[in-house]
Amino acid sequence: MLRLAAVLFMLSVPVPAAANGFEPVKDKDRFLSLVKDRTLRIGLYDLSISVLPDGRIDGTALGWKITGNWSWKDGYFCREMDWSGTPIRYNCQLVEAQGADRLRFTVDQGKGDSATFRLR
């Protein structure tokens, strides 16, 4: 369970920024246009998250509730979450898009591990 909490916004394999056709998303309006009325998914963990324009995060992973809050600061997606009672610490992340179908979040303002989500 703790492993999944750590994986919610990062995968175990670091990926260099701007690799594989991903382009940085530095503007909040662009980010919102990508996630509007869509769900971020990682099928392996049955993870589905909605990032709402009012600053809330809502979703599930392995059938357990995810809640949280987010803001846009200096070109980064900053969030804190809770996964069914397990806090997921505040972190500001680099967001990159690959077309309109995938978003990659890299922790520690792009210096850490990454997680790639499909947009549904």
PDB file of N, CA and C in Angstrom:
ATOM      1  N   MET A   1       0.824  -1.184   0.000  1.00  0.00           N
ATOM      2  CA  MET A   1       0.000   0.000   0.000  1.00  0.00           C
ATOM      3  C   MET A   1       0.871   1.252   0.000  1.00  0.00           C
ATOM      4  N   LEU A   2       1.901   1.287   0.812  1.00  0.00           N
ATOM      5  CA  LEU A   2       2.789   2.446   0.831  1.00  0.00           C
ATOM      6  C   LEU A   2       3.498   2.615  -0.507  1.00  0.00           C
ATOM      7  N   ARG A   3       3.817   1.508  -1.146  1.00  0.00           N
ATOM      8  CA  ARG A   3       4.461   1.573  -2.465  1.00  0.00           C
ATOM      9  C   ARG A   3       3.566   2.289  -3.461  1.00  0.00           C
ATOM     10  N   LEU A   4       2.279   1.946  -3.476  1.00  0.00           N
ATOM     11  CA  LEU A   4       1.371   2.595  -4.410  1.00  0.00           C
ATOM     12  C   LEU A   4       1.256   4.077  -4.091  1.00  0.00           C
ATOM     13  N   ALA A   5       1.237   4.440  -2.829  1.00  0.00           N
ATOM     14  CA  ALA A   5       1.175   5.852  -2.465  1.00  0.00           C
ATOM     15  C   ALA A   5       2.362   6.608  -3.057  1.00  0.00           C
ATOM     16  N   ALA A   6       3.524   6.003  -3.016  1.00  0.00           N
ATOM     17  CA  ALA A   6       4.714   6.648  -3.591  1.00  0.00           C
ATOM     18  C   ALA A   6       4.635   6.716  -5.106  1.00  0.00           C
ATOM     19  N   VAL A   7       3.920   5.785  -5.709  1.00  0.00           N
ATOM     20  CA  VAL A   7       3.841   5.704  -7.166  1.00  0.00           C
ATOM     21  C   VAL A   7       2.749   6.604  -7.736  1.00  0.00           C
ATOM     22  N   LEU A   8       1.848   7.106  -6.923  1.00  0.00           N
ATOM     23  CA  LEU A   8       0.717   7.864  -7.437  1.00  0.00           C
ATOM     24  C   LEU A   8       1.124   8.957  -8.419  1.00  0.00           C
ATOM     25  N   PHE A   9       2.223   9.618  -8.204  1.00  0.00           N
ATOM     26  CA  PHE A   9       2.677  10.634  -9.148  1.00  0.00           C
ATOM     27  C   PHE A   9       4.114  10.421  -9.579  1.00  0.00           C
ATOM     28  N   MET A  10       4.603   9.217  -9.466  1.00  0.00           N
ATOM     29  CA  MET A  10       5.927   8.925 -10.007  1.00  0.00           C
ATOM     30  C   MET A  10       6.062   7.442 -10.267  1.00  0.00           C
ATOM     31  N   LEU A  11       6.780   7.087 -11.259  1.00  0.00           N
ATOM     32  CA  LEU A  11       7.066   5.696 -11.548  1.00  0.00           C
ATOM     33  C   LEU A  11       8.442   5.365 -11.016  1.00  0.00           C
ATOM     34  N   SER A  12       8.796   4.102 -11.030  1.00  0.00           N
ATOM     35  CA  SER A  12      10.083   3.698 -10.466  1.00  0.00           C
ATOM     36  C   SER A  12      11.249   3.980 -11.402  1.00  0.00           C
ATOM     37  N   VAL A  13      10.967   4.315 -12.667  1.00  0.00           N
ATOM     38  CA  VAL A  13      12.042   4.556 -13.628  1.00  0.00           C
ATOM     39  C   VAL A  13      12.078   6.034 -13.997  1.00  0.00           C
ATOM     40  N   PRO A  14      13.151   6.765 -13.657  1.00  0.00           N
ATOM     41  CA  PRO A  14      13.243   8.160 -14.044  1.00  0.00           C
ATOM     42  C   PRO A  14      13.305   8.291 -15.566  1.00  0.00           C
ATOM     43  N   VAL A  15      12.694   9.332 -16.075  1.00  0.00           N
ATOM     44  CA  VAL A  15      12.686   9.598 -17.511  1.00  0.00           C
ATOM     45  C   VAL A  15      13.204  11.015 -17.724  1.00  0.00           C
ATOM     46  N   PRO A  16      14.194  11.208 -18.604  1.00  0.00           N
ATOM     47  CA  PRO A  16      14.696  12.550 -18.837  1.00  0.00           C
ATOM     48  C   PRO A  16      13.613  13.461 -19.383  1.00  0.00           C
ATOM     49  N   ALA A  17      13.616  14.729 -18.934  1.00  0.00           N
ATOM     50  CA  ALA A  17      12.646  15.705 -19.422  1.00  0.00           C
ATOM     51  C   ALA A  17      12.787  15.871 -20.924  1.00  0.00           C
ATOM     52  N   ALA A  18      11.658  16.135 -21.586  1.00  0.00           N
ATOM     53  CA  ALA A  18      11.565  16.378 -23.032  1.00  0.00           C
ATOM     54  C   ALA A  18      11.907  15.153 -23.875  1.00  0.00           C
ATOM     55  N   ALA A  19      11.934  13.975 -23.272  1.00  0.00           N
ATOM     56  CA  ALA A  19      12.183  12.754 -24.038  1.00  0.00           C
ATOM     57  C   ALA A  19      10.876  12.213 -24.595  1.00  0.00           C
ATOM     58  N   ASN A  20      10.978  11.417 -25.644  1.00  0.00           N
ATOM     59  CA  ASN A  20       9.830  10.712 -26.204  1.00  0.00           C
ATOM     60  C   ASN A  20       8.724  11.629 -26.698  1.00  0.00           C
ATOM     61  N   GLY A  21       9.058  12.801 -27.190  1.00  0.00           N
ATOM     62  CA  GLY A  21       8.058  13.686 -27.761  1.00  0.00           C
ATOM     63  C   GLY A  21       7.230  14.452 -26.750  1.00  0.00           C
ATOM     64  N   PHE A  22       7.605  14.465 -25.514  1.00  0.00           N
ATOM     65  CA  PHE A  22       6.899  15.241 -24.495  1.00  0.00           C
ATOM     66  C   PHE A  22       7.398  16.683 -24.519  1.00  0.00           C
ATOM     67  N   GLU A  23       6.451  17.607 -24.418  1.00  0.00           N
ATOM     68  CA  GLU A  23       6.767  19.032 -24.397  1.00  0.00           C
ATOM     69  C   GLU A  23       6.292  19.632 -23.072  1.00  0.00           C
ATOM     70  N   PRO A  24       7.096  20.507 -22.443  1.00  0.00           N
ATOM     71  CA  PRO A  24       6.696  21.113 -21.168  1.00  0.00           C
ATOM     72  C   PRO A  24       5.397  21.912 -21.289  1.00  0.00           C
ATOM     73  N   VAL A  25       4.571  21.804 -20.257  1.00  0.00           N
ATOM     74  CA  VAL A  25       3.366  22.611 -20.117  1.00  0.00           C
ATOM     75  C   VAL A  25       3.670  23.610 -19.004  1.00  0.00           C
ATOM     76  N   LYS A  26       3.900  24.855 -19.356  1.00  0.00           N
ATOM     77  CA  LYS A  26       4.308  25.853 -18.366  1.00  0.00           C
ATOM     78  C   LYS A  26       3.187  26.825 -18.005  1.00  0.00           C
ATOM     79  N   ASP A  27       2.060  26.722 -18.706  1.00  0.00           N
ATOM     80  CA  ASP A  27       0.967  27.672 -18.537  1.00  0.00           C
ATOM     81  C   ASP A  27      -0.253  26.978 -17.923  1.00  0.00           C
ATOM     82  N   LYS A  28      -0.807  27.554 -16.869  1.00  0.00           N
ATOM     83  CA  LYS A  28      -1.955  26.973 -16.188  1.00  0.00           C
ATOM     84  C   LYS A  28      -3.143  26.805 -17.129  1.00  0.00           C
ATOM     85  N   ASP A  29      -3.413  27.793 -17.971  1.00  0.00           N
ATOM     86  CA  ASP A  29      -4.553  27.688 -18.890  1.00  0.00           C
ATOM     87  C   ASP A  29      -4.381  26.514 -19.853  1.00  0.00           C
ATOM     88  N   ARG A  30      -3.180  26.317 -20.347  1.00  0.00           N
ATOM     89  CA  ARG A  30      -2.932  25.166 -21.232  1.00  0.00           C
ATOM     90  C   ARG A  30      -3.141  23.858 -20.479  1.00  0.00           C
ATOM     91  N   PHE A  31      -2.627  23.789 -19.257  1.00  0.00           N
ATOM     92  CA  PHE A  31      -2.820  22.598 -18.442  1.00  0.00           C
ATOM     93  C   PHE A  31      -4.308  22.310 -18.247  1.00  0.00           C
ATOM     94  N   LEU A  32      -5.057  23.343 -17.874  1.00  0.00           N
ATOM     95  CA  LEU A  32      -6.486  23.160 -17.654  1.00  0.00           C
ATOM     96  C   LEU A  32      -7.208  22.720 -18.925  1.00  0.00           C
ATOM     97  N   SER A  33      -6.773  23.225 -20.069  1.00  0.00           N
ATOM     98  CA  SER A  33      -7.418  22.807 -21.321  1.00  0.00           C
ATOM     99  C   SER A  33      -7.155  21.328 -21.614  1.00  0.00           C
ATOM    100  N   LEU A  34      -6.010  20.819 -21.184  1.00  0.00           N
ATOM    101  CA  LEU A  34      -5.678  19.411 -21.396  1.00  0.00           C
ATOM    102  C   LEU A  34      -6.479  18.485 -20.476  1.00  0.00           C
ATOM    103  N   VAL A  35      -6.721  18.901 -19.232  1.00  0.00           N
ATOM    104  CA  VAL A  35      -7.376  18.024 -18.261  1.00  0.00           C
ATOM    105  C   VAL A  35      -8.880  18.259 -18.133  1.00  0.00           C
ATOM    106  N   LYS A  36      -9.404  19.300 -18.777  1.00  0.00           N
ATOM    107  CA  LYS A  36     -10.820  19.644 -18.638  1.00  0.00           C
ATOM    108  C   LYS A  36     -11.711  18.469 -19.053  1.00  0.00           C
ATOM    109  N   ASP A  37     -12.596  18.089 -18.126  1.00  0.00           N
ATOM    110  CA  ASP A  37     -13.566  17.013 -18.353  1.00  0.00           C
ATOM    111  C   ASP A  37     -12.912  15.682 -18.722  1.00  0.00           C
ATOM    112  N   ARG A  38     -11.672  15.475 -18.282  1.00  0.00           N
ATOM    113  CA  ARG A  38     -10.954  14.230 -18.586  1.00  0.00           C
ATOM    114  C   ARG A  38     -10.433  13.617 -17.296  1.00  0.00           C
ATOM    115  N   THR A  39     -10.080  12.339 -17.390  1.00  0.00           N
ATOM    116  CA  THR A  39      -9.538  11.593 -16.257  1.00  0.00           C
ATOM    117  C   THR A  39      -8.115  11.188 -16.574  1.00  0.00           C
ATOM    118  N   LEU A  40      -7.210  11.363 -15.619  1.00  0.00           N
ATOM    119  CA  LEU A  40      -5.832  10.895 -15.745  1.00  0.00           C
ATOM    120  C   LEU A  40      -5.807   9.450 -15.264  1.00  0.00           C
ATOM    121  N   ARG A  41      -5.250   8.538 -16.081  1.00  0.00           N
ATOM    122  CA  ARG A  41      -5.298   7.113 -15.773  1.00  0.00           C
ATOM    123  C   ARG A  41      -3.936   6.449 -15.851  1.00  0.00           C
ATOM    124  N   ILE A  42      -3.690   5.543 -14.901  1.00  0.00           N
ATOM    125  CA  ILE A  42      -2.608   4.569 -14.980  1.00  0.00           C
ATOM    126  C   ILE A  42      -3.265   3.218 -14.712  1.00  0.00           C
ATOM    127  N   GLY A  43      -3.465   2.444 -15.767  1.00  0.00           N
ATOM    128  CA  GLY A  43      -4.201   1.190 -15.674  1.00  0.00           C
ATOM    129  C   GLY A  43      -3.591   0.179 -14.718  1.00  0.00           C
ATOM    130  N   LEU A  44      -2.273   0.104 -14.653  1.00  0.00           N
ATOM    131  CA  LEU A  44      -1.594  -0.867 -13.804  1.00  0.00           C
ATOM    132  C   LEU A  44      -2.064  -0.794 -12.351  1.00  0.00           C
ATOM    133  N   TYR A  45      -2.350   0.409 -11.878  1.00  0.00           N
ATOM    134  CA  TYR A  45      -2.770   0.617 -10.488  1.00  0.00           C
ATOM    135  C   TYR A  45      -4.263   0.906 -10.374  1.00  0.00           C
ATOM    136  N   ASP A  46      -4.993   0.705 -11.469  1.00  0.00           N
ATOM    137  CA  ASP A  46      -6.406   1.068 -11.489  1.00  0.00           C
ATOM    138  C   ASP A  46      -6.566   2.478 -10.913  1.00  0.00           C
ATOM    139  N   LEU A  47      -5.680   3.365 -11.347  1.00  0.00           N
ATOM    140  CA  LEU A  47      -5.599   4.729 -10.843  1.00  0.00           C
ATOM    141  C   LEU A  47      -6.320   5.667 -11.798  1.00  0.00           C
ATOM    142  N   SER A  48      -7.290   6.383 -11.272  1.00  0.00           N
ATOM    143  CA  SER A  48      -8.034   7.380 -12.031  1.00  0.00           C
ATOM    144  C   SER A  48      -8.123   8.644 -11.197  1.00  0.00           C
ATOM    145  N   ILE A  49      -7.680   9.762 -11.767  1.00  0.00           N
ATOM    146  CA  ILE A  49      -7.683  11.028 -11.039  1.00  0.00           C
ATOM    147  C   ILE A  49      -8.274  12.116 -11.930  1.00  0.00           C
ATOM    148  N   SER A  50      -9.120  12.932 -11.322  1.00  0.00           N
ATOM    149  CA  SER A  50      -9.612  14.137 -11.979  1.00  0.00           C
ATOM    150  C   SER A  50      -8.968  15.332 -11.297  1.00  0.00           C
ATOM    151  N   VAL A  51      -8.397  16.222 -12.099  1.00  0.00           N
ATOM    152  CA  VAL A  51      -7.816  17.465 -11.607  1.00  0.00           C
ATOM    153  C   VAL A  51      -8.816  18.558 -11.982  1.00  0.00           C
ATOM    154  N   LEU A  52      -9.476  19.099 -10.981  1.00  0.00           N
ATOM    155  CA  LEU A  52     -10.596  20.008 -11.205  1.00  0.00           C
ATOM    156  C   LEU A  52     -10.149  21.466 -11.210  1.00  0.00           C
ATOM    157  N   PRO A  53     -10.820  22.308 -11.996  1.00  0.00           N
ATOM    158  CA  PRO A  53     -10.401  23.715 -12.110  1.00  0.00           C
ATOM    159  C   PRO A  53     -10.494  24.500 -10.805  1.00  0.00           C
ATOM    160  N   ASP A  54     -11.277  24.031  -9.847  1.00  0.00           N
ATOM    161  CA  ASP A  54     -11.416  24.748  -8.570  1.00  0.00           C
ATOM    162  C   ASP A  54     -10.303  24.406  -7.579  1.00  0.00           C
ATOM    163  N   GLY A  55      -9.298  23.626  -8.009  1.00  0.00           N
ATOM    164  CA  GLY A  55      -8.156  23.322  -7.145  1.00  0.00           C
ATOM    165  C   GLY A  55      -8.269  22.007  -6.397  1.00  0.00           C
ATOM    166  N   ARG A  56      -9.295  21.224  -6.701  1.00  0.00           N
ATOM    167  CA  ARG A  56      -9.443  19.930  -6.038  1.00  0.00           C
ATOM    168  C   ARG A  56      -8.931  18.802  -6.922  1.00  0.00           C
ATOM    169  N   ILE A  57      -8.518  17.714  -6.265  1.00  0.00           N
ATOM    170  CA  ILE A  57      -8.144  16.462  -6.921  1.00  0.00           C
ATOM    171  C   ILE A  57      -9.070  15.401  -6.355  1.00  0.00           C
ATOM    172  N   ASP A  58      -9.623  14.569  -7.244  1.00  0.00           N
ATOM    173  CA  ASP A  58     -10.557  13.539  -6.822  1.00  0.00           C
ATOM    174  C   ASP A  58     -10.303  12.285  -7.647  1.00  0.00           C
ATOM    175  N   GLY A  59     -10.276  11.123  -6.992  1.00  0.00           N
ATOM    176  CA  GLY A  59     -10.060   9.905  -7.758  1.00  0.00           C
ATOM    177  C   GLY A  59     -10.024   8.671  -6.897  1.00  0.00           C
ATOM    178  N   THR A  60      -9.517   7.580  -7.507  1.00  0.00           N
ATOM    179  CA  THR A  60      -9.362   6.310  -6.805  1.00  0.00           C
ATOM    180  C   THR A  60      -8.112   5.601  -7.317  1.00  0.00           C
ATOM    181  N   ALA A  61      -7.584   4.733  -6.470  1.00  0.00           N
ATOM    182  CA  ALA A  61      -6.486   3.830  -6.845  1.00  0.00           C
ATOM    183  C   ALA A  61      -6.727   2.525  -6.110  1.00  0.00           C
ATOM    184  N   LEU A  62      -6.772   1.443  -6.863  1.00  0.00           N
ATOM    185  CA  LEU A  62      -7.058   0.117  -6.307  1.00  0.00           C
ATOM    186  C   LEU A  62      -8.344   0.123  -5.494  1.00  0.00           C
ATOM    187  N   GLY A  63      -9.294   0.970  -5.904  1.00  0.00           N
ATOM    188  CA  GLY A  63     -10.587   1.034  -5.242  1.00  0.00           C
ATOM    189  C   GLY A  63     -10.628   1.911  -4.008  1.00  0.00           C
ATOM    190  N   TRP A  64      -9.534   2.556  -3.657  1.00  0.00           N
ATOM    191  CA  TRP A  64      -9.489   3.414  -2.481  1.00  0.00           C
ATOM    192  C   TRP A  64      -9.505   4.867  -2.924  1.00  0.00           C
ATOM    193  N   LYS A  65     -10.171   5.697  -2.169  1.00  0.00           N
ATOM    194  CA  LYS A  65     -10.395   7.099  -2.496  1.00  0.00           C
ATOM    195  C   LYS A  65      -9.101   7.924  -2.443  1.00  0.00           C
ATOM    196  N   ILE A  66      -8.975   8.817  -3.421  1.00  0.00           N
ATOM    197  CA  ILE A  66      -7.901   9.816  -3.445  1.00  0.00           C
ATOM    198  C   ILE A  66      -8.563  11.188  -3.405  1.00  0.00           C
ATOM    199  N   THR A  67      -8.074  12.044  -2.523  1.00  0.00           N
ATOM    200  CA  THR A  67      -8.525  13.432  -2.474  1.00  0.00           C
ATOM    201  C   THR A  67      -7.289  14.311  -2.388  1.00  0.00           C
ATOM    202  N   GLY A  68      -7.445  15.575  -2.726  1.00  0.00           N
ATOM    203  CA  GLY A  68      -6.313  16.479  -2.622  1.00  0.00           C
ATOM    204  C   GLY A  68      -6.632  17.855  -3.147  1.00  0.00           C
ATOM    205  N   ASN A  69      -5.603  18.679  -3.112  1.00  0.00           N
ATOM    206  CA  ASN A  69      -5.675  20.048  -3.597  1.00  0.00           C
ATOM    207  C   ASN A  69      -4.462  20.321  -4.454  1.00  0.00           C
ATOM    208  N   TRP A  70      -4.647  21.224  -5.423  1.00  0.00           N
ATOM    209  CA  TRP A  70      -3.543  21.584  -6.296  1.00  0.00           C
ATOM    210  C   TRP A  70      -3.577  23.082  -6.580  1.00  0.00           C
ATOM    211  N   SER A  71      -2.438  23.588  -6.997  1.00  0.00           N
ATOM    212  CA  SER A  71      -2.317  24.972  -7.456  1.00  0.00           C
ATOM    213  C   SER A  71      -1.226  25.012  -8.525  1.00  0.00           C
ATOM    214  N   TRP A  72      -1.165  26.109  -9.244  1.00  0.00           N
ATOM    215  CA  TRP A  72      -0.155  26.306 -10.283  1.00  0.00           C
ATOM    216  C   TRP A  72       0.784  27.391  -9.788  1.00  0.00           C
ATOM    217  N   LYS A  73       2.079  27.067  -9.626  1.00  0.00           N
ATOM    218  CA  LYS A  73       3.042  28.032  -9.090  1.00  0.00           C
ATOM    219  C   LYS A  73       4.298  28.049  -9.940  1.00  0.00           C
ATOM    220  N   ASP A  74       4.591  29.216 -10.496  1.00  0.00           N
ATOM    221  CA  ASP A  74       5.831  29.422 -11.259  1.00  0.00           C
ATOM    222  C   ASP A  74       6.029  28.377 -12.359  1.00  0.00           C
ATOM    223  N   GLY A  75       4.946  27.980 -13.026  1.00  0.00           N
ATOM    224  CA  GLY A  75       5.038  27.028 -14.127  1.00  0.00           C
ATOM    225  C   GLY A  75       5.014  25.568 -13.715  1.00  0.00           C
ATOM    226  N   TYR A  76       4.697  25.288 -12.456  1.00  0.00           N
ATOM    227  CA  TYR A  76       4.668  23.918 -11.959  1.00  0.00           C
ATOM    228  C   TYR A  76       3.322  23.584 -11.327  1.00  0.00           C
ATOM    229  N   PHE A  77       2.934  22.313 -11.441  1.00  0.00           N
ATOM    230  CA  PHE A  77       1.744  21.771 -10.810  1.00  0.00           C
ATOM    231  C   PHE A  77       2.131  21.374  -9.387  1.00  0.00           C
ATOM    232  N   CYS A  78       1.544  22.028  -8.403  1.00  0.00           N
ATOM    233  CA  CYS A  78       1.866  21.755  -7.002  1.00  0.00           C
ATOM    234  C   CYS A  78       0.648  21.122  -6.346  1.00  0.00           C
ATOM    235  N   ARG A  79       0.864  20.010  -5.647  1.00  0.00           N
ATOM    236  CA  ARG A  79      -0.261  19.287  -5.070  1.00  0.00           C
ATOM    237  C   ARG A  79       0.116  18.613  -3.754  1.00  0.00           C
ATOM    238  N   GLU A  80      -0.946  18.369  -2.973  1.00  0.00           N
ATOM    239  CA  GLU A  80      -0.873  17.478  -1.825  1.00  0.00           C
ATOM    240  C   GLU A  80      -2.119  16.614  -1.891  1.00  0.00           C
ATOM    241  N   MET A  81      -1.979  15.354  -1.462  1.00  0.00           N
ATOM    242  CA  MET A  81      -3.105  14.430  -1.588  1.00  0.00           C
ATOM    243  C   MET A  81      -3.185  13.503  -0.383  1.00  0.00           C
ATOM    244  N   ASP A  82      -4.296  12.788  -0.350  1.00  0.00           N
ATOM    245  CA  ASP A  82      -4.509  11.754   0.650  1.00  0.00           C
ATOM    246  C   ASP A  82      -5.072  10.542  -0.077  1.00  0.00           C
ATOM    247  N   TRP A  83      -4.484   9.391   0.154  1.00  0.00           N
ATOM    248  CA  TRP A  83      -4.965   8.148  -0.437  1.00  0.00           C
ATOM    249  C   TRP A  83      -5.511   7.277   0.684  1.00  0.00           C
ATOM    250  N   SER A  84      -6.809   7.371   0.905  1.00  0.00           N
ATOM    251  CA  SER A  84      -7.512   6.577   1.906  1.00  0.00           C
ATOM    252  C   SER A  84      -6.821   6.620   3.274  1.00  0.00           C
ATOM    253  N   GLY A  85      -6.472   7.835   3.710  1.00  0.00           N
ATOM    254  CA  GLY A  85      -5.836   8.015   5.006  1.00  0.00           C
ATOM    255  C   GLY A  85      -4.324   8.068   4.980  1.00  0.00           C
ATOM    256  N   THR A  86      -3.711   7.810   3.833  1.00  0.00           N
ATOM    257  CA  THR A  86      -2.257   7.896   3.705  1.00  0.00           C
ATOM    258  C   THR A  86      -1.908   9.217   3.040  1.00  0.00           C
ATOM    259  N   PRO A  87      -1.274  10.144   3.783  1.00  0.00           N
ATOM    260  CA  PRO A  87      -0.928  11.434   3.187  1.00  0.00           C
ATOM    261  C   PRO A  87       0.156  11.287   2.117  1.00  0.00           C
ATOM    262  N   ILE A  88       0.006  12.050   1.050  1.00  0.00           N
ATOM    263  CA  ILE A  88       1.011  12.129  -0.002  1.00  0.00           C
ATOM    264  C   ILE A  88       1.512  13.563   0.027  1.00  0.00           C
ATOM    265  N   ARG A  89       2.768  13.720   0.370  1.00  0.00           N
ATOM    266  CA  ARG A  89       3.325  15.034   0.685  1.00  0.00           C
ATOM    267  C   ARG A  89       3.219  16.028  -0.469  1.00  0.00           C
ATOM    268  N   TYR A  90       3.206  17.291  -0.082  1.00  0.00           N
ATOM    269  CA  TYR A  90       3.186  18.411  -1.025  1.00  0.00           C
ATOM    270  C   TYR A  90       4.411  18.333  -1.926  1.00  0.00           C
ATOM    271  N   ASN A  91       4.206  18.561  -3.228  1.00  0.00           N
ATOM    272  CA  ASN A  91       5.313  18.547  -4.176  1.00  0.00           C
ATOM    273  C   ASN A  91       4.911  19.353  -5.400  1.00  0.00           C
ATOM    274  N   CYS A  92       5.855  20.085  -5.953  1.00  0.00           N
ATOM    275  CA  CYS A  92       5.648  20.816  -7.195  1.00  0.00           C
ATOM    276  C   CYS A  92       6.313  20.040  -8.322  1.00  0.00           C
ATOM    277  N   GLN A  93       5.569  19.855  -9.421  1.00  0.00           N
ATOM    278  CA  GLN A  93       5.990  18.934 -10.457  1.00  0.00           C
ATOM    279  C   GLN A  93       5.987  19.583 -11.838  1.00  0.00           C
ATOM    280  N   LEU A  94       6.955  19.195 -12.633  1.00  0.00           N
ATOM    281  CA  LEU A  94       6.989  19.563 -14.041  1.00  0.00           C
ATOM    282  C   LEU A  94       5.919  18.748 -14.749  1.00  0.00           C
ATOM    283  N   VAL A  95       5.120  19.418 -15.583  1.00  0.00           N
ATOM    284  CA  VAL A  95       4.115  18.724 -16.387  1.00  0.00           C
ATOM    285  C   VAL A  95       4.549  18.799 -17.837  1.00  0.00           C
ATOM    286  N   GLU A  96       4.469  17.666 -18.532  1.00  0.00           N
ATOM    287  CA  GLU A  96       4.789  17.612 -19.956  1.00  0.00           C
ATOM    288  C   GLU A  96       3.664  16.875 -20.673  1.00  0.00           C
ATOM    289  N   ALA A  97       3.375  17.313 -21.886  1.00  0.00           N
ATOM    290  CA  ALA A  97       2.318  16.692 -22.680  1.00  0.00           C
ATOM    291  C   ALA A  97       2.920  16.021 -23.899  1.00  0.00           C
ATOM    292  N   GLN A  98       2.337  14.886 -24.243  1.00  0.00           N
ATOM    293  CA  GLN A  98       2.634  14.218 -25.510  1.00  0.00           C
ATOM    294  C   GLN A  98       1.312  14.218 -26.266  1.00  0.00           C
ATOM    295  N   GLY A  99       1.167  15.190 -27.155  1.00  0.00           N
ATOM    296  CA  GLY A  99      -0.105  15.384 -27.825  1.00  0.00           C
ATOM    297  C   GLY A  99      -1.171  15.752 -26.818  1.00  0.00           C
ATOM    298  N   ALA A 100      -2.392  15.311 -27.080  1.00  0.00           N
ATOM    299  CA  ALA A 100      -3.505  15.582 -26.167  1.00  0.00           C
ATOM    300  C   ALA A 100      -3.917  14.326 -25.412  1.00  0.00           C
ATOM    301  N   ASP A 101      -3.105  13.261 -25.496  1.00  0.00           N
ATOM    302  CA  ASP A 101      -3.491  11.984 -24.913  1.00  0.00           C
ATOM    303  C   ASP A 101      -2.682  11.543 -23.707  1.00  0.00           C
ATOM    304  N   ARG A 102      -1.530  12.164 -23.464  1.00  0.00           N
ATOM    305  CA  ARG A 102      -0.679  11.750 -22.346  1.00  0.00           C
ATOM    306  C   ARG A 102      -0.100  12.965 -21.631  1.00  0.00           C
ATOM    307  N   LEU A 103      -0.035  12.847 -20.315  1.00  0.00           N
ATOM    308  CA  LEU A 103       0.646  13.835 -19.492  1.00  0.00           C
ATOM    309  C   LEU A 103       1.664  13.116 -18.627  1.00  0.00           C
ATOM    310  N   ARG A 104       2.842  13.718 -18.522  1.00  0.00           N
ATOM    311  CA  ARG A 104       3.878  13.184 -17.639  1.00  0.00           C
ATOM    312  C   ARG A 104       4.126  14.207 -16.544  1.00  0.00           C
ATOM    313  N   PHE A 105       4.130  13.743 -15.300  1.00  0.00           N
ATOM    314  CA  PHE A 105       4.416  14.563 -14.130  1.00  0.00           C
ATOM    315  C   PHE A 105       5.756  14.102 -13.566  1.00  0.00           C
ATOM    316  N   THR A 106       6.681  15.045 -13.366  1.00  0.00           N
ATOM    317  CA  THR A 106       7.997  14.722 -12.808  1.00  0.00           C
ATOM    318  C   THR A 106       8.167  15.502 -11.520  1.00  0.00           C
ATOM    319  N   VAL A 107       8.351  14.771 -10.426  1.00  0.00           N
ATOM    320  CA  VAL A 107       8.427  15.380  -9.099  1.00  0.00           C
ATOM    321  C   VAL A 107       9.643  16.277  -8.961  1.00  0.00           C
ATOM    322  N   ASP A 108       9.624  17.062  -7.892  1.00  0.00           N
ATOM    323  CA  ASP A 108      10.733  17.949  -7.542  1.00  0.00           C
ATOM    324  C   ASP A 108      11.083  18.896  -8.691  1.00  0.00           C
ATOM    325  N   GLN A 109      10.047  19.511  -9.272  1.00  0.00           N
ATOM    326  CA  GLN A 109      10.191  20.481 -10.367  1.00  0.00           C
ATOM    327  C   GLN A 109      10.997  19.920 -11.536  1.00  0.00           C
ATOM    328  N   GLY A 110      10.759  18.651 -11.833  1.00  0.00           N
ATOM    329  CA  GLY A 110      11.401  18.023 -12.980  1.00  0.00           C
ATOM    330  C   GLY A 110      12.697  17.317 -12.685  1.00  0.00           C
ATOM    331  N   LYS A 111      13.099  17.250 -11.425  1.00  0.00           N
ATOM    332  CA  LYS A 111      14.389  16.657 -11.076  1.00  0.00           C
ATOM    333  C   LYS A 111      14.290  15.224 -10.571  1.00  0.00           C
ATOM    334  N   GLY A 112      13.065  14.729 -10.361  1.00  0.00           N
ATOM    335  CA  GLY A 112      12.896  13.407  -9.764  1.00  0.00           C
ATOM    336  C   GLY A 112      12.281  12.405 -10.722  1.00  0.00           C
ATOM    337  N   ASP A 113      11.595  11.446 -10.137  1.00  0.00           N
ATOM    338  CA  ASP A 113      10.950  10.387 -10.901  1.00  0.00           C
ATOM    339  C   ASP A 113       9.682  10.907 -11.567  1.00  0.00           C
ATOM    340  N   SER A 114       9.231  10.162 -12.579  1.00  0.00           N
ATOM    341  CA  SER A 114       8.094  10.579 -13.387  1.00  0.00           C
ATOM    342  C   SER A 114       7.005   9.526 -13.405  1.00  0.00           C
ATOM    343  N   ALA A 115       5.790   9.995 -13.676  1.00  0.00           N
ATOM    344  CA  ALA A 115       4.658   9.109 -13.933  1.00  0.00           C
ATOM    345  C   ALA A 115       3.940   9.644 -15.168  1.00  0.00           C
ATOM    346  N   THR A 116       3.600   8.742 -16.081  1.00  0.00           N
ATOM    347  CA  THR A 116       2.890   9.118 -17.297  1.00  0.00           C
ATOM    348  C   THR A 116       1.460   8.624 -17.205  1.00  0.00           C
ATOM    349  N   PHE A 117       0.535   9.539 -17.424  1.00  0.00           N
ATOM    350  CA  PHE A 117      -0.894   9.260 -17.355  1.00  0.00           C
ATOM    351  C   PHE A 117      -1.493   9.341 -18.759  1.00  0.00           C
ATOM    352  N   ARG A 118      -2.432   8.471 -19.023  1.00  0.00           N
ATOM    353  CA  ARG A 118      -3.266   8.601 -20.228  1.00  0.00           C
ATOM    354  C   ARG A 118      -4.434   9.503 -19.865  1.00  0.00           C
ATOM    355  N   LEU A 119      -4.840  10.331 -20.792  1.00  0.00           N
ATOM    356  CA  LEU A 119      -6.010  11.187 -20.591  1.00  0.00           C
ATOM    357  C   LEU A 119      -7.212  10.523 -21.249  1.00  0.00           C
ATOM    358  N   ARG A 120      -8.259  10.312 -20.499  1.00  0.00           N
ATOM    359  CA  ARG A 120      -9.487   9.666 -21.009  1.00  0.00           C
ATOM    360  C   ARG A 120     -10.636  10.622 -20.939  1.00  0.00           C
TER     361      ARG A 120
END
